[in-house]
Amino acid sequence: MSSAAGALTLRVSYLKGVYPIGFCKFSCSLFGILMEESGDRKESLSWRCWSRTLIACSGAMMAFVFSGVTEGQSAVLLPQLKDEASPIHLTPEEETWIASLGIVLSPVSASLTGPITDAFGRKLGLVVYHIIMGIGFAVIAVAKEVWHFYVGRCICSFAIGLEVAAIVYLTETCSKEQRGLLLSTISPAFTIGVVVAYVIGGFLPWNVASAIFAAGSFLCSLGQLFGVESPAWLYKRGHTEASTRALQRLGRTQAGIRQELELFKLTVKEQSQKFQLRELLHPTVWKPFIIMTIFHLIHCATGVHHIVYYTIDFINRLGTTYDPLTVSIAISVARTIATCTIGVYFTSYVKRRFATILSGTLMTILSVGAGVYVYVWRDTAVDRRPFQWLPVACVIAYIVIGRVGVTPLPWLMSSEVFPLRVRGSMSGATFVIGTGSIFISIKMYEDLIAAFHIWGLLFIFGTACFSAVLLAVFVLPETLNKTLYEIEQYFMPKKGKKSGEQVDSTSRGEVC
């Protein structure tokens, strides 16, 4: 009983802004996180509510599927174009451009998505996403020249940046219990999209496959037109009755609707409808923005994208007699399984901070272990190195463990931590930072290898993973099973916070 009380005291102290300093307080804070009470009241969710919410969110989930298709398409498109019978022939330089253009415009569109969805609605943002994605695939389907592929891939990459609207839509349409589970399906949906690209694009001609992808995107845009608009956005725009009807369409009970409207009222109270620059100076805006920016930069520095985009080259540089292609397939399979199993479980049911601490710690051990192995045996011929399975196993486990926290959470939490008045804009801003840093890190791969060698790069990965642990222990907010209003209160100055009783009494009640 005393240990539970101690853990609760540590948690309350942390939420009040008392950040621990020194090794002893670091240990106490970590213990408080690991022992965080599990007695939060769970709200009753009916099957009717779940089914209606899933139907409403299907268009948003398909956005991530098509984003996965865009990333996976080049892997099956380029081999067909390199075939001697292909009417279009590519140079090696043109091949790299077709592959890399799949993400190049994402930061640009992401920076526009926030203001657009704040002004015109989350549903419209999803409709525009599917239309633009369909246009991109259609251009590729009718391509006759190499530059047609460039245009099509750029259009698809522009659409990917618009998926910010899908993340915000999921966040605002779900109740706090549903939010964790549905947001955890983003990574599996993306992985499924990659598999769809491999299957359809691998067995059908590239133009036929692209036409199928285009048709699917256009159908999703039509379906989204009949979808539910975000109740939170409707309330923010002053459409209280429309917000109530949207909640009814989502299967919420009358008690749940009253509770949601009260939370909306608290969130938008005394806030301007129009975004103003001074909003950026509010603690509920700049604090989560800085935290999420650091989280995204750490995520890129862990090297997950280096390994995924340069798998064969990375395995070759590790120094092993194993076939790099076989290892690449093993990594892909392990990544897919991990995403759909432990990835879903941890993002749905495990506290964000604990998941980050666990994955960051294990990833640190794995990357440093692989780096030490490569450094120790760097002057030994590859075929004479012992335990050649060790660095390969470390890399595979590294990718798998990343799905627990460090890899997906920067993207999921970016849509949870901002207040309603700027959620679309600031989610877009963090998405720009995330996608932009990925693009830069991928382009810097060869330079990093030349400067630090493969073992030095692995040590950099380990340092980044340990930084993620420190971020989770000292700074990262907890968002799982928290209402968006409770999350916002976390960043409020001490004088501006609601008391614990006020927040608790407001956030309780039946939602569905």
Protein backbone atom coordinates (compact mmCIF):
# COMPACT_ATOMS: atom_id res chain seq x y z
CA MET A 1 0.00 0.00 0.00
CA SER A 2 2.82 2.37 0.88
CA SER A 3 4.63 1.66 -2.41
CA ALA A 4 1.51 2.54 -4.39
CA ALA A 5 1.14 5.75 -2.43
CA GLY A 6 4.79 6.56 -3.05
CA ALA A 7 4.43 6.01 -6.77
CA LEU A 8 1.34 8.20 -6.82
CA THR A 9 3.19 10.93 -4.94
CA LEU A 10 6.03 10.81 -7.45
CA ARG A 11 3.56 11.09 -10.33
CA VAL A 12 1.77 14.06 -8.75
CA SER A 13 5.09 15.77 -8.09
CA TYR A 14 6.13 15.26 -11.71
CA LEU A 15 2.86 16.64 -13.07
CA LYS A 16 3.28 19.74 -10.93
CA GLY A 17 6.56 20.44 -12.71
CA VAL A 18 9.05 19.24 -10.08
CA TYR A 19 11.68 17.73 -12.40
CA PRO A 20 14.15 15.43 -10.61
CA ILE A 21 17.86 16.24 -10.74
CA GLY A 22 20.77 13.89 -10.04
CA PHE A 23 21.11 10.13 -10.15
CA CYS A 24 19.06 9.36 -7.05
CA LYS A 25 16.15 11.51 -8.15
CA PHE A 26 16.50 10.08 -11.66
CA SER A 27 15.98 6.60 -10.18
CA CYS A 28 13.01 7.75 -8.13
CA SER A 29 11.39 9.39 -11.15
CA LEU A 30 11.96 6.27 -13.24
CA PHE A 31 10.47 4.11 -10.47
CA GLY A 32 7.46 6.40 -10.33
CA ILE A 33 6.91 6.01 -14.05
CA LEU A 34 7.25 2.22 -13.99
CA MET A 35 4.94 1.89 -10.99
CA GLU A 36 2.35 4.42 -12.21
CA GLU A 37 -1.02 3.47 -10.83
CA SER A 38 -3.29 1.45 -13.08
CA GLY A 39 -6.48 2.41 -11.32
CA ASP A 40 -7.60 5.07 -13.82
CA ARG A 41 -11.30 4.74 -14.33
CA LYS A 42 -12.15 3.08 -17.66
CA GLU A 43 -15.13 4.40 -19.54
CA SER A 44 -17.79 2.06 -20.88
CA LEU A 45 -17.70 1.72 -24.68
CA SER A 46 -20.57 0.03 -26.49
CA TRP A 47 -20.17 -2.06 -29.63
CA ARG A 48 -22.39 0.46 -31.39
CA CYS A 49 -19.95 3.23 -30.54
CA TRP A 50 -16.95 1.16 -31.62
CA SER A 51 -18.48 0.12 -34.95
CA ARG A 52 -19.58 3.64 -35.87
CA THR A 53 -16.22 5.09 -34.91
CA LEU A 54 -14.36 2.48 -36.96
CA ILE A 55 -16.53 3.22 -40.00
CA ALA A 56 -16.02 6.96 -39.57
CA CYS A 57 -12.24 6.53 -39.29
CA SER A 58 -11.87 4.11 -42.22
CA GLY A 59 -11.11 6.92 -44.67
CA ALA A 60 -8.37 8.24 -42.40
CA MET A 61 -6.87 4.75 -42.04
CA MET A 62 -6.85 4.29 -45.83
CA ALA A 63 -4.72 7.43 -46.07
CA PHE A 64 -1.91 5.62 -44.28
CA VAL A 65 -2.37 2.56 -46.50
CA PHE A 66 -1.88 4.66 -49.64
CA SER A 67 1.12 6.39 -48.06
CA GLY A 68 2.62 2.93 -47.62
CA VAL A 69 1.79 2.10 -51.24
CA THR A 70 3.69 5.22 -52.33
CA GLU A 71 6.81 4.20 -50.41
CA GLY A 72 6.71 0.59 -51.61
CA GLN A 73 5.86 1.35 -55.24
CA SER A 74 9.38 2.23 -56.37
CA ALA A 75 10.68 -1.18 -55.25
CA VAL A 76 8.47 -2.95 -57.82
CA LEU A 77 8.28 -0.15 -60.38
CA LEU A 78 12.00 0.24 -61.06
CA PRO A 79 12.74 -3.44 -61.87
CA GLN A 80 10.01 -3.39 -64.54
CA LEU A 81 11.36 -0.17 -66.05
CA LYS A 82 14.89 -1.64 -66.15
CA ASP A 83 13.67 -4.63 -68.14
CA GLU A 84 14.91 -4.70 -71.73
CA ALA A 85 11.35 -4.96 -73.03
CA SER A 86 10.29 -1.77 -71.23
CA PRO A 87 9.36 1.08 -73.60
CA ILE A 88 10.87 3.53 -71.08
CA HIS A 89 14.52 3.16 -70.12
CA LEU A 90 16.17 4.76 -67.11
CA THR A 91 19.70 5.76 -66.19
CA PRO A 92 20.94 4.97 -62.65
CA GLU A 93 20.60 8.66 -61.78
CA GLU A 94 16.98 8.69 -62.95
CA GLU A 95 16.26 5.60 -60.84
CA THR A 96 17.44 7.33 -57.67
CA TRP A 97 15.30 10.35 -58.43
CA ILE A 98 12.17 8.24 -58.93
CA ALA A 99 12.80 6.53 -55.59
CA SER A 100 13.65 9.64 -53.55
CA LEU A 101 10.92 11.90 -54.93
CA GLY A 102 8.35 9.84 -53.04
CA ILE A 103 8.83 12.00 -49.94
CA VAL A 104 10.41 15.23 -51.19
CA LEU A 105 7.29 17.47 -51.11
CA SER A 106 5.81 16.07 -47.89
CA PRO A 107 7.20 18.86 -45.67
CA VAL A 108 5.74 21.50 -48.01
CA SER A 109 2.23 20.06 -47.98
CA ALA A 110 2.40 19.33 -44.26
CA SER A 111 3.07 23.01 -43.57
CA LEU A 112 -0.09 23.90 -45.50
CA THR A 113 -2.30 21.17 -44.06
CA GLY A 114 -2.62 22.64 -40.58
CA PRO A 115 -4.03 26.05 -41.56
CA ILE A 116 -6.27 24.46 -44.21
CA THR A 117 -7.79 21.88 -41.86
CA ASP A 118 -8.17 24.47 -39.10
CA ALA A 119 -10.06 26.75 -41.50
CA PHE A 120 -12.08 24.30 -43.61
CA GLY A 121 -12.30 21.12 -41.54
CA ARG A 122 -10.54 17.80 -41.02
CA LYS A 123 -12.90 15.93 -43.36
CA LEU A 124 -12.08 18.19 -46.30
CA GLY A 125 -8.39 17.62 -45.63
CA LEU A 126 -8.93 13.87 -46.00
CA VAL A 127 -10.93 14.32 -49.22
CA VAL A 128 -8.14 16.45 -50.69
CA TYR A 129 -5.55 13.85 -49.63
CA HIS A 130 -7.26 11.02 -51.52
CA ILE A 131 -7.90 13.17 -54.61
CA ILE A 132 -4.27 14.32 -54.87
CA MET A 133 -2.96 10.81 -54.22
CA GLY A 134 -5.26 9.48 -56.96
CA ILE A 135 -4.00 12.12 -59.39
CA GLY A 136 -0.39 11.15 -58.64
CA PHE A 137 -1.02 7.46 -59.31
CA ALA A 138 -3.01 8.34 -62.45
CA VAL A 139 -0.09 10.36 -63.85
CA ILE A 140 2.23 7.39 -63.28
CA ALA A 141 -0.29 5.04 -64.91
CA VAL A 142 -0.27 7.02 -68.18
CA ALA A 143 3.45 7.91 -68.11
CA LYS A 144 5.23 7.93 -71.47
CA GLU A 145 8.40 9.79 -70.50
CA VAL A 146 10.71 9.68 -67.50
CA TRP A 147 9.65 13.13 -66.32
CA HIS A 148 6.06 11.86 -66.09
CA PHE A 149 7.22 9.55 -63.29
CA TYR A 150 8.90 12.51 -61.60
CA VAL A 151 5.66 14.48 -61.69
CA GLY A 152 3.57 11.55 -60.46
CA ARG A 153 5.92 10.75 -57.59
CA CYS A 154 6.07 14.41 -56.56
CA ILE A 155 2.27 14.62 -56.50
CA CYS A 156 2.09 11.47 -54.36
CA SER A 157 4.72 12.88 -51.98
CA PHE A 158 2.68 16.08 -51.70
CA ALA A 159 -0.33 13.97 -50.72
CA ILE A 160 1.67 12.18 -48.01
CA GLY A 161 2.17 15.48 -46.20
CA LEU A 162 -1.60 15.87 -46.07
CA GLU A 163 -1.92 12.78 -43.87
CA VAL A 164 -1.58 15.18 -40.94
CA ALA A 165 -5.31 15.69 -41.45
CA ALA A 166 -5.86 11.95 -40.94
CA ILE A 167 -3.93 11.93 -37.67
CA VAL A 168 -5.81 14.94 -36.30
CA TYR A 169 -9.13 13.47 -37.49
CA LEU A 170 -8.48 10.21 -35.64
CA THR A 171 -7.46 12.08 -32.51
CA GLU A 172 -10.57 14.26 -32.40
CA THR A 173 -13.12 11.66 -33.53
CA CYS A 174 -12.24 8.99 -30.96
CA SER A 175 -12.88 8.90 -27.24
CA LYS A 176 -9.81 8.73 -25.05
CA GLU A 177 -10.07 4.91 -24.76
CA GLN A 178 -10.49 4.47 -28.51
CA ARG A 179 -7.76 6.93 -29.42
CA GLY A 180 -4.82 4.82 -28.27
CA LEU A 181 -6.00 1.72 -30.11
CA LEU A 182 -6.86 3.44 -33.38
CA LEU A 183 -3.70 5.55 -33.44
CA SER A 184 -1.71 2.37 -32.89
CA THR A 185 -3.06 1.01 -36.19
CA ILE A 186 -1.32 3.75 -38.20
CA SER A 187 1.96 1.86 -38.49
CA PRO A 188 0.28 -1.46 -39.40
CA ALA A 189 -1.82 0.36 -42.01
CA PHE A 190 1.33 1.85 -43.52
CA THR A 191 3.04 -1.55 -43.53
CA ILE A 192 -0.01 -3.11 -45.17
CA GLY A 193 0.23 -0.44 -47.86
CA VAL A 194 3.82 -1.46 -48.60
CA VAL A 195 2.73 -5.10 -48.88
CA VAL A 196 -0.14 -4.10 -51.20
CA ALA A 197 2.34 -2.28 -53.43
CA TYR A 198 4.59 -5.35 -53.55
CA VAL A 199 1.76 -7.77 -54.34
CA ILE A 200 -0.22 -5.74 -56.88
CA GLY A 201 2.82 -4.01 -58.37
CA GLY A 202 4.83 -7.21 -58.45
CA PHE A 203 2.30 -9.37 -60.29
CA LEU A 204 0.77 -6.74 -62.59
CA PRO A 205 2.33 -4.30 -65.08
CA TRP A 206 3.31 -1.03 -63.44
CA ASN A 207 0.74 1.01 -65.39
CA VAL A 208 -2.13 -1.35 -64.50
CA ALA A 209 -1.09 -1.39 -60.83
CA SER A 210 -0.88 2.41 -60.75
CA ALA A 211 -4.34 2.67 -62.31
CA ILE A 212 -5.72 0.38 -59.58
CA PHE A 213 -4.12 2.52 -56.89
CA ALA A 214 -5.58 5.66 -58.49
CA ALA A 215 -9.07 4.15 -58.63
CA GLY A 216 -8.85 3.14 -54.97
CA SER A 217 -7.82 6.65 -53.94
CA PHE A 218 -10.67 8.29 -55.85
CA LEU A 219 -13.19 5.86 -54.32
CA CYS A 220 -11.94 6.74 -50.84
CA SER A 221 -12.38 10.44 -51.57
CA LEU A 222 -16.01 9.82 -52.53
CA GLY A 223 -16.63 7.77 -49.39
CA GLN A 224 -15.07 10.43 -47.18
CA LEU A 225 -17.55 13.02 -48.49
CA PHE A 226 -20.27 11.13 -46.59
CA GLY A 227 -18.16 10.81 -43.44
CA VAL A 228 -18.48 12.55 -40.08
CA GLU A 229 -16.74 15.87 -39.52
CA SER A 230 -14.63 16.21 -36.38
CA PRO A 231 -16.99 17.14 -33.49
CA ALA A 232 -14.23 19.16 -31.84
CA TRP A 233 -13.61 21.23 -34.97
CA LEU A 234 -17.34 21.87 -35.43
CA TYR A 235 -17.65 23.10 -31.84
CA LYS A 236 -14.57 25.27 -32.27
CA ARG A 237 -16.24 26.93 -35.28
CA GLY A 238 -19.36 27.65 -33.24
CA HIS A 239 -21.52 24.86 -34.74
CA THR A 240 -22.70 23.35 -31.46
CA GLU A 241 -25.71 21.54 -32.93
CA ALA A 242 -23.63 20.09 -35.76
CA SER A 243 -21.06 18.94 -33.20
CA THR A 244 -23.82 17.23 -31.21
CA ARG A 245 -25.14 15.49 -34.34
CA ALA A 246 -21.62 14.33 -35.20
CA LEU A 247 -21.23 12.79 -31.75
CA GLN A 248 -24.61 11.07 -32.18
CA ARG A 249 -23.47 9.62 -35.51
CA LEU A 250 -20.43 8.26 -33.71
CA GLY A 251 -22.70 6.32 -31.36
CA ARG A 252 -22.13 8.35 -28.21
CA THR A 253 -24.73 8.29 -25.44
CA GLN A 254 -26.45 11.43 -24.22
CA ALA A 255 -24.26 11.43 -21.11
CA GLY A 256 -21.17 11.02 -23.25
CA ILE A 257 -22.24 13.84 -25.56
CA ARG A 258 -22.80 16.20 -22.63
CA GLN A 259 -19.36 15.36 -21.29
CA GLU A 260 -17.67 15.88 -24.65
CA LEU A 261 -19.40 19.24 -25.17
CA GLU A 262 -18.32 20.35 -21.72
CA LEU A 263 -14.72 19.43 -22.54
CA PHE A 264 -14.97 21.31 -25.85
CA LYS A 265 -16.31 24.31 -23.96
CA LEU A 266 -13.40 24.25 -21.53
CA THR A 267 -10.92 23.91 -24.38
CA VAL A 268 -12.14 26.77 -26.55
CA LYS A 269 -13.21 29.08 -23.72
CA GLU A 270 -11.85 32.61 -24.14
CA GLN A 271 -9.84 31.55 -27.21
CA SER A 272 -9.83 33.41 -30.51
CA GLN A 273 -11.16 31.65 -33.61
CA LYS A 274 -8.28 32.97 -35.72
CA PHE A 275 -4.71 31.82 -35.25
CA GLN A 276 -2.44 34.62 -34.05
CA LEU A 277 1.33 34.61 -33.74
CA ARG A 278 1.14 35.34 -30.03
CA GLU A 279 -0.47 31.91 -29.59
CA LEU A 280 3.00 30.44 -30.20
CA LEU A 281 4.17 32.03 -26.95
CA HIS A 282 1.58 30.20 -24.86
CA PRO A 283 3.08 27.36 -22.77
CA THR A 284 0.51 24.88 -24.11
CA VAL A 285 1.91 25.52 -27.61
CA TRP A 286 5.65 26.12 -27.41
CA LYS A 287 6.37 23.52 -24.73
CA PRO A 288 4.88 20.53 -26.59
CA PHE A 289 6.33 21.86 -29.87
CA ILE A 290 9.87 21.87 -28.47
CA ILE A 291 9.39 18.45 -26.90
CA MET A 292 8.01 16.92 -30.10
CA THR A 293 10.75 18.56 -32.19
CA ILE A 294 13.42 17.01 -29.99
CA PHE A 295 11.60 13.66 -30.09
CA HIS A 296 11.50 13.72 -33.92
CA LEU A 297 15.18 14.64 -34.20
CA ILE A 298 16.13 11.87 -31.78
CA HIS A 299 13.96 9.45 -33.73
CA CYS A 300 15.86 10.27 -36.95
CA ALA A 301 19.22 10.03 -35.19
CA THR A 302 18.43 6.46 -34.10
CA GLY A 303 19.08 5.44 -37.72
CA VAL A 304 15.96 3.36 -38.25
CA HIS A 305 15.42 4.99 -41.63
CA HIS A 306 19.06 4.49 -42.61
CA ILE A 307 18.67 0.77 -42.04
CA VAL A 308 15.31 0.52 -43.82
CA TYR A 309 16.27 2.58 -46.89
CA TYR A 310 19.80 1.15 -47.26
CA THR A 311 19.30 -2.34 -45.87
CA ILE A 312 21.51 -4.28 -48.30
CA ASP A 313 24.35 -1.76 -48.16
CA PHE A 314 24.08 -1.53 -44.36
CA ILE A 315 24.29 -5.31 -43.94
CA ASN A 316 27.29 -5.46 -46.30
CA ARG A 317 29.11 -2.86 -44.22
CA LEU A 318 28.46 -4.81 -41.01
CA GLY A 319 30.83 -7.45 -42.34
CA THR A 320 29.10 -10.82 -42.52
CA THR A 321 28.98 -13.76 -44.91
CA TYR A 322 25.18 -13.89 -44.72
CA ASP A 323 23.38 -13.01 -47.94
CA PRO A 324 22.36 -9.32 -47.63
CA LEU A 325 19.16 -9.88 -49.61
CA THR A 326 18.10 -12.71 -47.30
CA VAL A 327 18.82 -10.56 -44.26
CA SER A 328 16.87 -7.69 -45.84
CA ILE A 329 13.83 -9.93 -46.30
CA ALA A 330 14.17 -11.13 -42.70
CA ILE A 331 14.24 -7.52 -41.47
CA SER A 332 11.16 -6.68 -43.55
CA VAL A 333 9.22 -9.68 -42.25
CA ALA A 334 10.27 -9.01 -38.65
CA ARG A 335 9.31 -5.35 -38.98
CA THR A 336 5.85 -6.23 -40.32
CA ILE A 337 5.15 -8.80 -37.61
CA ALA A 338 6.42 -6.49 -34.87
CA THR A 339 4.32 -3.60 -36.15
CA CYS A 340 1.12 -5.66 -36.16
CA THR A 341 1.71 -7.34 -32.78
CA ILE A 342 3.85 -5.72 -30.09
CA GLY A 343 3.65 -2.36 -31.85
CA VAL A 344 -0.14 -2.32 -31.64
CA TYR A 345 -0.13 -3.62 -28.06
CA PHE A 346 2.36 -1.10 -26.72
CA THR A 347 0.85 1.94 -28.43
CA SER A 348 -2.65 0.88 -27.30
CA TYR A 349 -2.15 -0.27 -23.73
CA VAL A 350 1.30 0.72 -22.44
CA LYS A 351 2.12 4.16 -21.09
CA ARG A 352 3.95 6.32 -23.62
CA ARG A 353 6.82 7.17 -21.30
CA PHE A 354 7.41 3.60 -20.18
CA ALA A 355 7.30 2.37 -23.81
CA THR A 356 9.91 4.98 -24.77
CA ILE A 357 12.13 4.10 -21.82
CA LEU A 358 11.92 0.37 -22.54
CA SER A 359 12.54 0.60 -26.28
CA GLY A 360 15.24 3.27 -25.92
CA THR A 361 17.15 1.23 -23.34
CA LEU A 362 17.06 -2.00 -25.33
CA MET A 363 17.92 -0.22 -28.59
CA THR A 364 20.91 1.41 -26.89
CA ILE A 365 22.22 -1.98 -25.80
CA LEU A 366 21.66 -3.52 -29.24
CA SER A 367 23.25 -0.72 -31.28
CA VAL A 368 26.25 -0.36 -28.98
CA GLY A 369 26.65 -4.15 -28.95
CA ALA A 370 26.71 -4.31 -32.74
CA GLY A 371 29.08 -1.32 -32.87
CA VAL A 372 31.52 -2.91 -30.41
CA TYR A 373 31.53 -6.14 -32.44
CA VAL A 374 32.27 -4.36 -35.73
CA TYR A 375 34.94 -2.18 -34.11
CA VAL A 376 36.74 -5.07 -32.41
CA TRP A 377 36.83 -7.22 -35.59
CA ARG A 378 37.21 -4.37 -38.09
CA ASP A 379 40.72 -5.49 -39.19
CA THR A 380 39.78 -9.18 -39.44
CA ALA A 381 38.73 -10.73 -42.74
CA VAL A 382 34.96 -11.12 -42.92
CA ASP A 383 35.06 -14.89 -43.41
CA ARG A 384 37.26 -15.29 -40.30
CA ARG A 385 35.11 -13.32 -37.88
CA PRO A 386 33.44 -15.36 -35.12
CA PHE A 387 29.78 -15.08 -34.12
CA GLN A 388 28.80 -13.45 -37.42
CA TRP A 389 25.16 -13.87 -36.49
CA LEU A 390 25.56 -11.43 -33.59
CA PRO A 391 25.54 -8.06 -35.44
CA VAL A 392 22.80 -9.30 -37.78
CA ALA A 393 20.65 -10.40 -34.85
CA CYS A 394 21.28 -7.06 -33.12
CA VAL A 395 20.13 -5.10 -36.18
CA ILE A 396 16.97 -7.20 -36.63
CA ALA A 397 16.14 -6.90 -32.92
CA TYR A 398 16.91 -3.16 -33.10
CA ILE A 399 14.25 -2.62 -35.76
CA VAL A 400 11.74 -4.81 -33.90
CA ILE A 401 12.24 -3.10 -30.52
CA GLY A 402 11.93 0.29 -32.20
CA ARG A 403 8.29 -0.51 -32.95
CA VAL A 404 7.61 -0.56 -29.20
CA GLY A 405 8.06 3.16 -28.68
CA VAL A 406 10.85 5.23 -30.22
CA THR A 407 9.79 4.73 -33.85
CA PRO A 408 5.97 5.32 -33.80
CA LEU A 409 5.43 7.57 -30.79
CA PRO A 410 6.81 10.87 -32.18
CA TRP A 411 4.19 10.67 -34.92
CA LEU A 412 1.32 9.57 -32.67
CA MET A 413 1.94 12.04 -29.87
CA SER A 414 2.31 15.03 -32.19
CA SER A 415 -1.46 14.97 -32.71
CA GLU A 416 -2.25 14.59 -29.00
CA VAL A 417 -0.22 17.25 -27.21
CA PHE A 418 -1.45 20.50 -28.80
CA PRO A 419 -4.56 22.48 -27.76
CA LEU A 420 -7.56 22.49 -30.08
CA ARG A 421 -7.13 26.08 -31.29
CA VAL A 422 -3.77 25.30 -32.95
CA ARG A 423 -3.83 21.51 -33.20
CA GLY A 424 -4.00 21.38 -36.98
CA SER A 425 -1.31 24.02 -37.50
CA MET A 426 1.14 22.72 -34.92
CA SER A 427 0.63 19.07 -35.89
CA GLY A 428 1.51 20.14 -39.42
CA ALA A 429 4.60 21.98 -38.17
CA THR A 430 5.89 18.94 -36.30
CA PHE A 431 5.14 16.76 -39.33
CA VAL A 432 7.29 19.11 -41.43
CA ILE A 433 10.14 18.67 -38.98
CA GLY A 434 9.68 14.90 -38.91
CA THR A 435 9.56 14.35 -42.67
CA GLY A 436 12.21 16.99 -43.36
CA SER A 437 14.64 15.41 -40.91
CA ILE A 438 14.01 11.99 -42.47
CA PHE A 439 14.79 13.32 -45.94
CA ILE A 440 18.00 15.01 -44.73
CA SER A 441 19.15 11.99 -42.73
CA ILE A 442 18.64 9.65 -45.69
CA LYS A 443 20.63 11.98 -47.95
CA MET A 444 23.45 12.19 -45.36
CA TYR A 445 23.92 8.42 -45.07
CA GLU A 446 27.00 8.16 -47.33
CA ASP A 447 28.61 11.22 -45.71
CA LEU A 448 28.08 9.79 -42.23
CA ILE A 449 29.58 6.45 -43.26
CA ALA A 450 32.62 8.21 -44.73
CA ALA A 451 33.11 10.31 -41.60
CA PHE A 452 32.39 7.80 -38.82
CA HIS A 453 32.49 4.35 -40.45
CA ILE A 454 29.75 1.82 -39.76
CA TRP A 455 30.81 1.21 -36.15
CA GLY A 456 30.85 4.93 -35.37
CA LEU A 457 27.40 5.29 -36.91
CA LEU A 458 26.13 2.50 -34.65
CA PHE A 459 27.50 4.34 -31.62
CA ILE A 460 25.67 7.48 -32.78
CA PHE A 461 22.48 5.41 -32.99
CA GLY A 462 23.06 4.21 -29.42
CA THR A 463 23.61 7.75 -28.15
CA ALA A 464 20.36 8.87 -29.76
CA CYS A 465 18.45 5.96 -28.20
CA PHE A 466 19.77 6.81 -24.74
CA SER A 467 18.75 10.43 -25.33
CA ALA A 468 15.21 9.15 -25.94
CA VAL A 469 15.30 7.48 -22.52
CA LEU A 470 16.33 10.75 -20.85
CA LEU A 471 13.62 12.63 -22.73
CA ALA A 472 10.98 10.16 -21.52
CA VAL A 473 12.11 10.26 -17.89
CA PHE A 474 12.41 14.02 -17.48
CA VAL A 475 10.23 15.76 -20.08
CA LEU A 476 7.87 13.61 -22.15
CA PRO A 477 4.20 13.97 -21.12
CA GLU A 478 1.91 10.98 -20.64
CA THR A 479 -0.99 10.93 -23.12
CA LEU A 480 -2.36 7.39 -23.05
CA ASN A 481 -5.93 7.27 -21.69
CA LYS A 482 -5.84 11.02 -21.06
CA THR A 483 -8.44 13.38 -22.45
CA LEU A 484 -7.07 16.06 -24.77
CA TYR A 485 -8.06 18.61 -22.13
CA GLU A 486 -6.04 16.79 -19.46
CA ILE A 487 -3.02 16.74 -21.76
CA GLU A 488 -3.36 20.47 -22.35
CA GLN A 489 -3.51 21.11 -18.60
CA TYR A 490 -0.14 19.37 -18.19
CA PHE A 491 1.60 22.21 -20.05
CA MET A 492 -0.24 25.01 -18.27
CA PRO A 493 1.67 27.19 -15.82
CA LYS A 494 1.09 26.17 -12.22
CA LYS A 495 -1.18 29.15 -11.52
CA GLY A 496 -3.30 28.50 -14.61
CA LYS A 497 -3.94 24.82 -13.99
CA LYS A 498 -7.27 23.45 -12.94
CA SER A 499 -7.19 21.55 -9.69
CA GLY A 500 -7.00 17.78 -9.90
CA GLU A 501 -10.56 17.48 -8.64
CA GLN A 502 -11.89 19.87 -11.29
CA VAL A 503 -10.18 18.08 -14.16
CA ASP A 504 -11.19 14.68 -12.83
CA SER A 505 -14.83 15.64 -12.38
CA THR A 506 -14.94 17.07 -15.89
CA SER A 507 -13.23 14.17 -17.61
CA ARG A 508 -15.23 11.39 -15.98
CA GLY A 509 -18.46 9.98 -17.27
CA GLU A 510 -19.81 7.65 -19.91
CA VAL A 511 -18.67 8.51 -23.41
CA CYS A 512 -20.32 5.72 -25.37
